[in-house]
PDB file of N, CA and C in Angstrom:
ATOM      1  N   MET A   1     116.924 106.441 115.709  1.00  0.00           N
ATOM      2  CA  MET A   1     117.387 105.157 115.260  1.00  0.00           C
ATOM      3  C   MET A   1     118.365 104.572 116.263  1.00  0.00           C
ATOM      4  N   PRO A   2     117.836 103.970 117.300  1.00  0.00           N
ATOM      5  CA  PRO A   2     118.684 103.422 118.357  1.00  0.00           C
ATOM      6  C   PRO A   2     119.572 102.265 117.877  1.00  0.00           C
ATOM      7  N   VAL A   3     120.802 102.271 118.348  1.00  0.00           N
ATOM      8  CA  VAL A   3     121.719 101.155 118.100  1.00  0.00           C
ATOM      9  C   VAL A   3     121.387 100.079 119.118  1.00  0.00           C
ATOM     10  N   ILE A   4     121.114  98.862 118.653  1.00  0.00           N
ATOM     11  CA  ILE A   4     120.782  97.798 119.593  1.00  0.00           C
ATOM     12  C   ILE A   4     121.926  96.802 119.782  1.00  0.00           C
ATOM     13  N   SER A   5     122.900  96.799 118.845  1.00  0.00           N
ATOM     14  CA  SER A   5     124.062  95.929 119.019  1.00  0.00           C
ATOM     15  C   SER A   5     125.171  96.362 118.060  1.00  0.00           C
ATOM     16  N   MET A   6     126.410  96.008 118.419  1.00  0.00           N
ATOM     17  CA  MET A   6     127.571  96.269 117.563  1.00  0.00           C
ATOM     18  C   MET A   6     128.551  95.124 117.736  1.00  0.00           C
ATOM     19  N   PHE A   7     129.069  94.616 116.607  1.00  0.00           N
ATOM     20  CA  PHE A   7     130.072  93.556 116.657  1.00  0.00           C
ATOM     21  C   PHE A   7     130.822  93.509 115.333  1.00  0.00           C
ATOM     22  N   TYR A   8     132.123  93.292 115.400  1.00  0.00           N
ATOM     23  CA  TYR A   8     132.990  93.157 114.220  1.00  0.00           C
ATOM     24  C   TYR A   8     132.783  94.275 113.196  1.00  0.00           C
ATOM     25  N   GLY A   9     132.593  95.490 113.674  1.00  0.00           N
ATOM     26  CA  GLY A   9     132.410  96.630 112.787  1.00  0.00           C
ATOM     27  C   GLY A   9     131.011  96.768 112.215  1.00  0.00           C
ATOM     28  N   ILE A  10     130.097  95.901 112.631  1.00  0.00           N
ATOM     29  CA  ILE A  10     128.718  95.925 112.155  1.00  0.00           C
ATOM     30  C   ILE A  10     127.862  96.622 113.206  1.00  0.00           C
ATOM     31  N   ILE A  11     127.045  97.550 112.762  1.00  0.00           N
ATOM     32  CA  ILE A  11     126.138  98.264 113.665  1.00  0.00           C
ATOM     33  C   ILE A  11     124.716  97.829 113.339  1.00  0.00           C
ATOM     34  N   ILE A  12     123.996  97.391 114.369  1.00  0.00           N
ATOM     35  CA  ILE A  12     122.613  96.954 114.208  1.00  0.00           C
ATOM     36  C   ILE A  12     121.706  98.016 114.807  1.00  0.00           C
ATOM     37  N   ARG A  13     120.744  98.475 114.009  1.00  0.00           N
ATOM     38  CA  ARG A  13     119.801  99.502 114.456  1.00  0.00           C
ATOM     39  C   ARG A  13     118.371  99.040 114.205  1.00  0.00           C
ATOM     40  N   MET A  14     117.487  99.628 114.966  1.00  0.00           N
ATOM     41  CA  MET A  14     116.059  99.412 114.738  1.00  0.00           C
ATOM     42  C   MET A  14     115.400 100.778 114.854  1.00  0.00           C
ATOM     43  N   TYR A  15     114.782 101.206 113.783  1.00  0.00           N
ATOM     44  CA  TYR A  15     114.146 102.514 113.760  1.00  0.00           C
ATOM     45  C   TYR A  15     112.811 102.473 114.493  1.00  0.00           C
ATOM     46  N   LEU A  16     112.493 103.553 115.176  1.00  0.00           N
ATOM     47  CA  LEU A  16     111.206 103.665 115.858  1.00  0.00           C
ATOM     48  C   LEU A  16     110.109 103.939 114.834  1.00  0.00           C
ATOM     49  N   LEU A  17     108.956 103.358 115.057  1.00  0.00           N
ATOM     50  CA  LEU A  17     107.784 103.551 114.193  1.00  0.00           C
ATOM     51  C   LEU A  17     108.080 103.240 112.726  1.00  0.00           C
ATOM     52  N   ASP A  18     108.896 102.225 112.473  1.00  0.00           N
ATOM     53  CA  ASP A  18     109.320 101.870 111.117  1.00  0.00           C
ATOM     54  C   ASP A  18     108.468 100.748 110.531  1.00  0.00           C
ATOM     55  N   ASN A  19     107.303 100.471 111.117  1.00  0.00           N
ATOM     56  CA  ASN A  19     106.493  99.355 110.663  1.00  0.00           C
ATOM     57  C   ASN A  19     105.790  99.633 109.333  1.00  0.00           C
ATOM     58  N   HIS A  20     105.911 100.833 108.789  1.00  0.00           N
ATOM     59  CA  HIS A  20     105.314 101.124 107.490  1.00  0.00           C
ATOM     60  C   HIS A  20     106.348 101.051 106.375  1.00  0.00           C
ATOM     61  N   HIS A  21     107.639 101.086 106.722  1.00  0.00           N
ATOM     62  CA  HIS A  21     108.704 101.119 105.719  1.00  0.00           C
ATOM     63  C   HIS A  21     108.717  99.840 104.881  1.00  0.00           C
ATOM     64  N   HIS A  22     108.802  98.709 105.514  1.00  0.00           N
ATOM     65  CA  HIS A  22     108.802  97.430 104.794  1.00  0.00           C
ATOM     66  C   HIS A  22     107.610  96.581 105.216  1.00  0.00           C
ATOM     67  N   SER A  23     106.896  96.983 106.231  1.00  0.00           N
ATOM     68  CA  SER A  23     105.736  96.306 106.817  1.00  0.00           C
ATOM     69  C   SER A  23     106.028  94.920 107.373  1.00  0.00           C
ATOM     70  N   LEU A  24     107.269  94.523 107.407  1.00  0.00           N
ATOM     71  CA  LEU A  24     107.681  93.264 108.037  1.00  0.00           C
ATOM     72  C   LEU A  24     108.626  93.594 109.187  1.00  0.00           C
ATOM     73  N   PRO A  25     108.591  92.810 110.260  1.00  0.00           N
ATOM     74  CA  PRO A  25     109.574  93.028 111.333  1.00  0.00           C
ATOM     75  C   PRO A  25     110.992  92.891 110.767  1.00  0.00           C
ATOM     76  N   HIS A  26     111.805  93.907 110.961  1.00  0.00           N
ATOM     77  CA  HIS A  26     113.152  93.905 110.413  1.00  0.00           C
ATOM     78  C   HIS A  26     114.071  94.801 111.240  1.00  0.00           C
ATOM     79  N   PHE A  27     115.348  94.700 110.938  1.00  0.00           N
ATOM     80  CA  PHE A  27     116.340  95.575 111.539  1.00  0.00           C
ATOM     81  C   PHE A  27     117.293  96.020 110.439  1.00  0.00           C
ATOM     82  N   HIS A  28     118.120  97.000 110.751  1.00  0.00           N
ATOM     83  CA  HIS A  28     119.061  97.544 109.790  1.00  0.00           C
ATOM     84  C   HIS A  28     120.475  97.210 110.254  1.00  0.00           C
ATOM     85  N   ALA A  29     121.269  96.674 109.352  1.00  0.00           N
ATOM     86  CA  ALA A  29     122.667  96.346 109.644  1.00  0.00           C
ATOM     87  C   ALA A  29     123.548  97.211 108.754  1.00  0.00           C
ATOM     88  N   ARG A  30     124.550  97.836 109.354  1.00  0.00           N
ATOM     89  CA  ARG A  30     125.467  98.695 108.597  1.00  0.00           C
ATOM     90  C   ARG A  30     126.895  98.229 108.829  1.00  0.00           C
ATOM     91  N   TYR A  31     127.647  98.156 107.743  1.00  0.00           N
ATOM     92  CA  TYR A  31     129.073  97.842 107.811  1.00  0.00           C
ATOM     93  C   TYR A  31     129.768  98.758 106.810  1.00  0.00           C
ATOM     94  N   ALA A  32     130.641  99.638 107.305  1.00  0.00           N
ATOM     95  CA  ALA A  32     131.323 100.632 106.468  1.00  0.00           C
ATOM     96  C   ALA A  32     130.274 101.395 105.658  1.00  0.00           C
ATOM     97  N   GLU A  33     130.384 101.397 104.333  1.00  0.00           N
ATOM     98  CA  GLU A  33     129.423 102.136 103.502  1.00  0.00           C
ATOM     99  C   GLU A  33     128.235 101.283 103.071  1.00  0.00           C
ATOM    100  N   HIS A  34     128.167 100.042 103.546  1.00  0.00           N
ATOM    101  CA  HIS A  34     127.091  99.119 103.175  1.00  0.00           C
ATOM    102  C   HIS A  34     126.001  99.101 104.242  1.00  0.00           C
ATOM    103  N   GLU A  35     124.747  98.997 103.800  1.00  0.00           N
ATOM    104  CA  GLU A  35     123.635  98.894 104.743  1.00  0.00           C
ATOM    105  C   GLU A  35     122.550  98.018 104.135  1.00  0.00           C
ATOM    106  N   ALA A  36     121.899  97.238 104.999  1.00  0.00           N
ATOM    107  CA  ALA A  36     120.806  96.380 104.547  1.00  0.00           C
ATOM    108  C   ALA A  36     119.718  96.326 105.604  1.00  0.00           C
ATOM    109  N   SER A  37     118.482  96.200 105.143  1.00  0.00           N
ATOM    110  CA  SER A  37     117.336  95.924 106.011  1.00  0.00           C
ATOM    111  C   SER A  37     117.112  94.429 105.942  1.00  0.00           C
ATOM    112  N   ILE A  38     117.035  93.775 107.105  1.00  0.00           N
ATOM    113  CA  ILE A  38     116.984  92.320 107.161  1.00  0.00           C
ATOM    114  C   ILE A  38     115.757  91.868 107.944  1.00  0.00           C
ATOM    115  N   SER A  39     115.017  90.940 107.373  1.00  0.00           N
ATOM    116  CA  SER A  39     113.818  90.390 108.002  1.00  0.00           C
ATOM    117  C   SER A  39     114.192  89.597 109.255  1.00  0.00           C
ATOM    118  N   ILE A  40     113.484  89.835 110.334  1.00  0.00           N
ATOM    119  CA  ILE A  40     113.721  89.095 111.572  1.00  0.00           C
ATOM    120  C   ILE A  40     113.243  87.654 111.423  1.00  0.00           C
ATOM    121  N   GLU A  41     112.168  87.458 110.711  1.00  0.00           N
ATOM    122  CA  GLU A  41     111.575  86.131 110.582  1.00  0.00           C
ATOM    123  C   GLU A  41     112.475  85.133 109.853  1.00  0.00           C
ATOM    124  N   ASP A  42     113.020  85.533 108.700  1.00  0.00           N
ATOM    125  CA  ASP A  42     113.754  84.562 107.895  1.00  0.00           C
ATOM    126  C   ASP A  42     115.151  85.001 107.466  1.00  0.00           C
ATOM    127  N   GLY A  43     115.584  86.192 107.856  1.00  0.00           N
ATOM    128  CA  GLY A  43     116.932  86.648 107.532  1.00  0.00           C
ATOM    129  C   GLY A  43     117.113  87.114 106.098  1.00  0.00           C
ATOM    130  N   LYS A  44     116.027  87.274 105.356  1.00  0.00           N
ATOM    131  CA  LYS A  44     116.136  87.741 103.977  1.00  0.00           C
ATOM    132  C   LYS A  44     116.412  89.239 103.948  1.00  0.00           C
ATOM    133  N   VAL A  45     117.183  89.658 102.953  1.00  0.00           N
ATOM    134  CA  VAL A  45     117.476  91.072 102.768  1.00  0.00           C
ATOM    135  C   VAL A  45     116.271  91.723 102.097  1.00  0.00           C
ATOM    136  N   LEU A  46     115.717  92.726 102.748  1.00  0.00           N
ATOM    137  CA  LEU A  46     114.562  93.453 102.216  1.00  0.00           C
ATOM    138  C   LEU A  46     114.994  94.612 101.335  1.00  0.00           C
ATOM    139  N   ALA A  47     116.143  95.182 101.642  1.00  0.00           N
ATOM    140  CA  ALA A  47     116.683  96.300 100.873  1.00  0.00           C
ATOM    141  C   ALA A  47     118.167  96.419 101.179  1.00  0.00           C
ATOM    142  N   GLY A  48     118.934  96.929 100.218  1.00  0.00           N
ATOM    143  CA  GLY A  48     120.361  97.149 100.422  1.00  0.00           C
ATOM    144  C   GLY A  48     121.170  95.882 100.304  1.00  0.00           C
ATOM    145  N   GLN A  49     122.408  95.949 100.808  1.00  0.00           N
ATOM    146  CA  GLN A  49     123.292  94.794 100.758  1.00  0.00           C
ATOM    147  C   GLN A  49     124.437  94.942 101.746  1.00  0.00           C
ATOM    148  N   LEU A  50     125.006  93.811 102.117  1.00  0.00           N
ATOM    149  CA  LEU A  50     126.203  93.747 102.956  1.00  0.00           C
ATOM    150  C   LEU A  50     127.197  92.829 102.277  1.00  0.00           C
ATOM    151  N   PRO A  51     128.497  93.006 102.551  1.00  0.00           N
ATOM    152  CA  PRO A  51     129.457  92.026 102.049  1.00  0.00           C
ATOM    153  C   PRO A  51     129.123  90.638 102.609  1.00  0.00           C
ATOM    154  N   ARG A  52     129.445  89.602 101.853  1.00  0.00           N
ATOM    155  CA  ARG A  52     129.076  88.229 102.214  1.00  0.00           C
ATOM    156  C   ARG A  52     129.508  87.838 103.624  1.00  0.00           C
ATOM    157  N   LYS A  53     130.751  88.125 103.993  1.00  0.00           N
ATOM    158  CA  LYS A  53     131.259  87.740 105.321  1.00  0.00           C
ATOM    159  C   LYS A  53     130.442  88.401 106.435  1.00  0.00           C
ATOM    160  N   GLN A  54     130.186  89.689 106.305  1.00  0.00           N
ATOM    161  CA  GLN A  54     129.433  90.412 107.330  1.00  0.00           C
ATOM    162  C   GLN A  54     127.972  89.961 107.355  1.00  0.00           C
ATOM    163  N   PHE A  55     127.411  89.661 106.196  1.00  0.00           N
ATOM    164  CA  PHE A  55     126.038  89.168 106.151  1.00  0.00           C
ATOM    165  C   PHE A  55     125.920  87.843 106.893  1.00  0.00           C
ATOM    166  N   ARG A  56     126.895  86.973 106.732  1.00  0.00           N
ATOM    167  CA  ARG A  56     126.879  85.692 107.456  1.00  0.00           C
ATOM    168  C   ARG A  56     126.985  85.896 108.964  1.00  0.00           C
ATOM    169  N   LEU A  57     127.783  86.854 109.386  1.00  0.00           N
ATOM    170  CA  LEU A  57     127.872  87.173 110.813  1.00  0.00           C
ATOM    171  C   LEU A  57     126.538  87.687 111.342  1.00  0.00           C
ATOM    172  N   VAL A  58     125.879  88.542 110.556  1.00  0.00           N
ATOM    173  CA  VAL A  58     124.576  89.071 110.964  1.00  0.00           C
ATOM    174  C   VAL A  58     123.554  87.935 111.065  1.00  0.00           C
ATOM    175  N   LEU A  59     123.574  87.008 110.121  1.00  0.00           N
ATOM    176  CA  LEU A  59     122.640  85.880 110.169  1.00  0.00           C
ATOM    177  C   LEU A  59     122.881  84.999 111.395  1.00  0.00           C
ATOM    178  N   ALA A  60     124.147  84.782 111.734  1.00  0.00           N
ATOM    179  CA  ALA A  60     124.467  83.988 112.932  1.00  0.00           C
ATOM    180  C   ALA A  60     123.937  84.694 114.178  1.00  0.00           C
ATOM    181  N   TRP A  61     124.138  86.011 114.245  1.00  0.00           N
ATOM    182  CA  TRP A  61     123.638  86.804 115.373  1.00  0.00           C
ATOM    183  C   TRP A  61     122.120  86.753 115.428  1.00  0.00           C
ATOM    184  N   LEU A  62     121.475  86.860 114.283  1.00  0.00           N
ATOM    185  CA  LEU A  62     120.015  86.798 114.210  1.00  0.00           C
ATOM    186  C   LEU A  62     119.493  85.474 114.769  1.00  0.00           C
ATOM    187  N   GLU A  63     120.118  84.377 114.409  1.00  0.00           N
ATOM    188  CA  GLU A  63     119.687  83.057 114.903  1.00  0.00           C
ATOM    189  C   GLU A  63     119.756  82.990 116.426  1.00  0.00           C
ATOM    190  N   LEU A  64     120.775  83.601 117.002  1.00  0.00           N
ATOM    191  CA  LEU A  64     120.942  83.576 118.451  1.00  0.00           C
ATOM    192  C   LEU A  64     119.965  84.494 119.184  1.00  0.00           C
ATOM    193  N   HIS A  65     119.495  85.541 118.522  1.00  0.00           N
ATOM    194  CA  HIS A  65     118.738  86.581 119.212  1.00  0.00           C
ATOM    195  C   HIS A  65     117.368  86.883 118.582  1.00  0.00           C
ATOM    196  N   ARG A  66     116.813  85.948 117.837  1.00  0.00           N
ATOM    197  CA  ARG A  66     115.541  86.194 117.132  1.00  0.00           C
ATOM    198  C   ARG A  66     114.421  86.620 118.088  1.00  0.00           C
ATOM    199  N   GLU A  67     114.268  85.933 119.209  1.00  0.00           N
ATOM    200  CA  GLU A  67     113.187  86.271 120.148  1.00  0.00           C
ATOM    201  C   GLU A  67     113.369  87.675 120.718  1.00  0.00           C
ATOM    202  N   GLU A  68     114.593  88.034 121.041  1.00  0.00           N
ATOM    203  CA  GLU A  68     114.865  89.376 121.562  1.00  0.00           C
ATOM    204  C   GLU A  68     114.564  90.440 120.498  1.00  0.00           C
ATOM    205  N   LEU A  69     114.913  90.129 119.245  1.00  0.00           N
ATOM    206  CA  LEU A  69     114.637  91.059 118.153  1.00  0.00           C
ATOM    207  C   LEU A  69     113.138  91.235 117.938  1.00  0.00           C
ATOM    208  N   GLN A  70     112.385  90.160 118.049  1.00  0.00           N
ATOM    209  CA  GLN A  70     110.937  90.254 117.902  1.00  0.00           C
ATOM    210  C   GLN A  70     110.342  91.126 119.008  1.00  0.00           C
ATOM    211  N   ALA A  71     110.842  90.976 120.224  1.00  0.00           N
ATOM    212  CA  ALA A  71     110.370  91.806 121.334  1.00  0.00           C
ATOM    213  C   ALA A  71     110.759  93.268 121.110  1.00  0.00           C
ATOM    214  N   ASP A  72     111.977  93.500 120.629  1.00  0.00           N
ATOM    215  CA  ASP A  72     112.410  94.871 120.335  1.00  0.00           C
ATOM    216  C   ASP A  72     111.576  95.486 119.210  1.00  0.00           C
ATOM    217  N   TRP A  73     111.221  94.671 118.202  1.00  0.00           N
ATOM    218  CA  TRP A  73     110.394  95.178 117.110  1.00  0.00           C
ATOM    219  C   TRP A  73     109.045  95.671 117.640  1.00  0.00           C
ATOM    220  N   ALA A  74     108.459  94.903 118.531  1.00  0.00           N
ATOM    221  CA  ALA A  74     107.167  95.284 119.108  1.00  0.00           C
ATOM    222  C   ALA A  74     107.288  96.624 119.831  1.00  0.00           C
ATOM    223  N   LEU A  75     108.371  96.820 120.561  1.00  0.00           N
ATOM    224  CA  LEU A  75     108.592  98.093 121.249  1.00  0.00           C
ATOM    225  C   LEU A  75     108.790  99.234 120.254  1.00  0.00           C
ATOM    226  N   ALA A  76     109.670  99.027 119.290  1.00  0.00           N
ATOM    227  CA  ALA A  76     109.996 100.076 118.321  1.00  0.00           C
ATOM    228  C   ALA A  76     108.783 100.456 117.476  1.00  0.00           C
ATOM    229  N   ALA A  77     107.951  99.482 117.131  1.00  0.00           N
ATOM    230  CA  ALA A  77     106.756  99.751 116.329  1.00  0.00           C
ATOM    231  C   ALA A  77     105.768 100.637 117.088  1.00  0.00           C
ATOM    232  N   GLN A  78     105.864 100.627 118.422  1.00  0.00           N
ATOM    233  CA  GLN A  78     105.002 101.472 119.258  1.00  0.00           C
ATOM    234  C   GLN A  78     105.671 102.797 119.621  1.00  0.00           C
ATOM    235  N   GLY A  79     106.881 103.020 119.090  1.00  0.00           N
ATOM    236  CA  GLY A  79     107.586 104.260 119.352  1.00  0.00           C
ATOM    237  C   GLY A  79     108.436 104.237 120.604  1.00  0.00           C
ATOM    238  N   GLU A  80     108.611 103.074 121.200  1.00  0.00           N
ATOM    239  CA  GLU A  80     109.432 102.940 122.404  1.00  0.00           C
ATOM    240  C   GLU A  80     110.843 102.488 122.027  1.00  0.00           C
ATOM    241  N   ASN A  81     111.809 102.857 122.849  1.00  0.00           N
ATOM    242  CA  ASN A  81     113.189 102.460 122.585  1.00  0.00           C
ATOM    243  C   ASN A  81     113.381 100.966 122.800  1.00  0.00           C
ATOM    244  N   PRO A  82     113.984 100.284 121.824  1.00  0.00           N
ATOM    245  CA  PRO A  82     114.265  98.858 121.994  1.00  0.00           C
ATOM    246  C   PRO A  82     115.432  98.653 122.954  1.00  0.00           C
ATOM    247  N   TYR A  83     115.519  97.455 123.510  1.00  0.00           N
ATOM    248  CA  TYR A  83     116.602  97.104 124.424  1.00  0.00           C
ATOM    249  C   TYR A  83     117.861  96.741 123.649  1.00  0.00           C
ATOM    250  N   LYS A  84     119.004  96.916 124.283  1.00  0.00           N
ATOM    251  CA  LYS A  84     120.279  96.476 123.708  1.00  0.00           C
ATOM    252  C   LYS A  84     120.297  94.948 123.686  1.00  0.00           C
ATOM    253  N   ILE A  85     120.970  94.402 122.688  1.00  0.00           N
ATOM    254  CA  ILE A  85     121.114  92.949 122.541  1.00  0.00           C
ATOM    255  C   ILE A  85     122.594  92.633 122.491  1.00  0.00           C
ATOM    256  N   LYS A  86     122.990  91.564 123.162  1.00  0.00           N
ATOM    257  CA  LYS A  86     124.413  91.190 123.225  1.00  0.00           C
ATOM    258  C   LYS A  86     124.996  90.997 121.816  1.00  0.00           C
ATOM    259  N   PRO A  87     126.251  91.379 121.646  1.00  0.00           N
ATOM    260  CA  PRO A  87     126.905  91.179 120.348  1.00  0.00           C
ATOM    261  C   PRO A  87     127.225  89.704 120.118  1.00  0.00           C
ATOM    262  N   LEU A  88     127.695  89.431 118.937  1.00  0.00           N
ATOM    263  CA  LEU A  88     128.077  88.072 118.538  1.00  0.00           C
ATOM    264  C   LEU A  88     129.354  87.669 119.237  1.00  0.00           C
TER     265      LEU A  88
END
């Protein structure tokens, strides 16, 4: 589960070969004891939850890096390590 970005205490990960878990391109965001799977396409929470402030930060980051996340998803779905993405 490679870490692809970290900002404001939030850790963003993308699991390798995770295309069967939710079957949608997504990433995992963790803040303290909270974790959520978030759709790359529309920013919807697929599972879990984050505090409101951190969720808004993740959504802002997603808007800035959607294309990079889509490229990383393609790599991770094939079992390859995704690239690091700049923090917020």
